[in-house]
C-alpha atoms as a PDB file:
ATOM      1  CA  UNK A   1      -0.189  -0.056  -0.232  1.00  0.00           C
ATOM      2  CA  UNK A   2       1.213   3.438  -0.723  1.00  0.00           C
ATOM      3  CA  UNK A   3       2.073   5.997   1.872  1.00  0.00           C
ATOM      4  CA  UNK A   4       1.155   9.287   2.141  1.00  0.00           C
ATOM      5  CA  UNK A   5       4.425  11.481   2.178  1.00  0.00           C
ATOM      6  CA  UNK A   6       4.621  14.152   4.717  1.00  0.00           C
ATOM      7  CA  UNK A   7       4.692  17.407   2.664  1.00  0.00           C
ATOM      8  CA  UNK A   8       1.296  16.468   0.536  1.00  0.00           C
ATOM      9  CA  UNK A   9      -0.780  16.113   4.565  1.00  0.00           C
ATOM     10  CA  UNK A  10      -2.107  18.635   5.510  1.00  0.00           C
ATOM     11  CA  UNK A  11      -0.678  21.435   7.203  1.00  0.00           C
ATOM     12  CA  UNK A  12      -2.091  23.517  10.123  1.00  0.00           C
ATOM     13  CA  UNK A  13      -2.403  27.122  10.221  1.00  0.00           C
ATOM     14  CA  UNK A  14       0.201  27.217  13.280  1.00  0.00           C
ATOM     15  CA  UNK A  15       4.297  27.303  11.963  1.00  0.00           C
ATOM     16  CA  UNK A  16       7.477  27.764  14.364  1.00  0.00           C
ATOM     17  CA  UNK A  17      10.565  29.154  12.237  1.00  0.00           C
ATOM     18  CA  UNK A  18      14.138  29.483  13.765  1.00  0.00           C
ATOM     19  CA  UNK A  19      16.360  31.999  11.879  1.00  0.00           C
ATOM     20  CA  UNK A  20      19.621  33.466  13.912  1.00  0.00           C
ATOM     21  CA  UNK A  21      18.747  30.896  16.799  1.00  0.00           C
ATOM     22  CA  UNK A  22      15.465  33.009  17.376  1.00  0.00           C
ATOM     23  CA  UNK A  23      12.606  30.886  17.593  1.00  0.00           C
ATOM     24  CA  UNK A  24       8.968  32.369  16.471  1.00  0.00           C
ATOM     25  CA  UNK A  25       5.729  30.874  16.706  1.00  0.00           C
ATOM     26  CA  UNK A  26       3.293  32.085  13.868  1.00  0.00           C
ATOM     27  CA  UNK A  27      -0.585  31.566  13.836  1.00  0.00           C
ATOM     28  CA  UNK A  28      -0.806  32.404  10.507  1.00  0.00           C
ATOM     29  CA  UNK A  29       1.250  30.208   7.779  1.00  0.00           C
ATOM     30  CA  UNK A  30       0.657  32.286   4.726  1.00  0.00           C
ATOM     31  CA  UNK A  31       1.842  35.415   6.495  1.00  0.00           C
ATOM     32  CA  UNK A  32       5.115  33.716   7.963  1.00  0.00           C
ATOM     33  CA  UNK A  33       5.495  33.272   3.860  1.00  0.00           C
ATOM     34  CA  UNK A  34       4.769  36.478   3.201  1.00  0.00           C
ATOM     35  CA  UNK A  35       7.037  37.636   5.812  1.00  0.00           C
ATOM     36  CA  UNK A  36       9.843  35.438   4.636  1.00  0.00           C
ATOM     37  CA  UNK A  37       9.687  35.910   1.045  1.00  0.00           C
ATOM     38  CA  UNK A  38      10.049  39.986   1.797  1.00  0.00           C
ATOM     39  CA  UNK A  39      12.830  39.383   3.909  1.00  0.00           C
ATOM     40  CA  UNK A  40      14.608  37.212   1.096  1.00  0.00           C
ATOM     41  CA  UNK A  41      13.481  40.196  -1.305  1.00  0.00           C
ATOM     42  CA  UNK A  42      15.879  42.754   0.358  1.00  0.00           C
ATOM     43  CA  UNK A  43      18.222  40.679   2.077  1.00  0.00           C
ATOM     44  CA  UNK A  44      21.641  39.278   0.357  1.00  0.00           C
ATOM     45  CA  UNK A  45      24.751  37.430   1.415  1.00  0.00           C
ATOM     46  CA  UNK A  46      24.689  34.920   4.188  1.00  0.00           C
ATOM     47  CA  UNK A  47      21.308  36.182   5.311  1.00  0.00           C
ATOM     48  CA  UNK A  48      19.957  36.025   2.168  1.00  0.00           C
ATOM     49  CA  UNK A  49      20.682  32.368   1.826  1.00  0.00           C
ATOM     50  CA  UNK A  50      19.481  31.989   5.824  1.00  0.00           C
ATOM     51  CA  UNK A  51      15.656  32.857   4.658  1.00  0.00           C
ATOM     52  CA  UNK A  52      15.237  31.327   1.903  1.00  0.00           C
ATOM     53  CA  UNK A  53      16.082  28.260   3.830  1.00  0.00           C
ATOM     54  CA  UNK A  54      13.265  28.801   6.299  1.00  0.00           C
ATOM     55  CA  UNK A  55      11.139  30.081   2.992  1.00  0.00           C
ATOM     56  CA  UNK A  56      11.384  26.984   1.124  1.00  0.00           C
ATOM     57  CA  UNK A  57      10.820  25.044   4.024  1.00  0.00           C
ATOM     58  CA  UNK A  58       7.576  27.066   4.452  1.00  0.00           C
ATOM     59  CA  UNK A  59       6.691  26.593   1.030  1.00  0.00           C
ATOM     60  CA  UNK A  60       6.883  22.865   1.121  1.00  0.00           C
ATOM     61  CA  UNK A  61       4.741  22.753   3.957  1.00  0.00           C
ATOM     62  CA  UNK A  62       7.002  21.931   7.057  1.00  0.00           C
ATOM     63  CA  UNK A  63       5.478  22.940  10.198  1.00  0.00           C
ATOM     64  CA  UNK A  64       9.063  24.019  12.043  1.00  0.00           C
ATOM     65  CA  UNK A  65      11.224  25.497   9.711  1.00  0.00           C
ATOM     66  CA  UNK A  66      14.696  26.661  10.110  1.00  0.00           C
ATOM     67  CA  UNK A  67      18.249  28.117   8.841  1.00  0.00           C
ATOM     68  CA  UNK A  68      20.169  25.733  11.019  1.00  0.00           C
ATOM     69  CA  UNK A  69      21.904  22.086   9.618  1.00  0.00           C
ATOM     70  CA  UNK A  70      20.703  19.121  11.318  1.00  0.00           C
END
């Protein structure tokens, strides 16, 4: 039997982001995505890469998104 991948599961509206060691819990997933998209556009260099990492995870629907390597 096929298993449903985690990324295709319906996500909650709550998401936790971790950037530069600071954890923030968002109650609106779309607000978090918009914030990180705007931040990604306005930064460059290493900070841009950190923000981009979180934003990509948000696009994939993860419930916890981090710029840290695990």
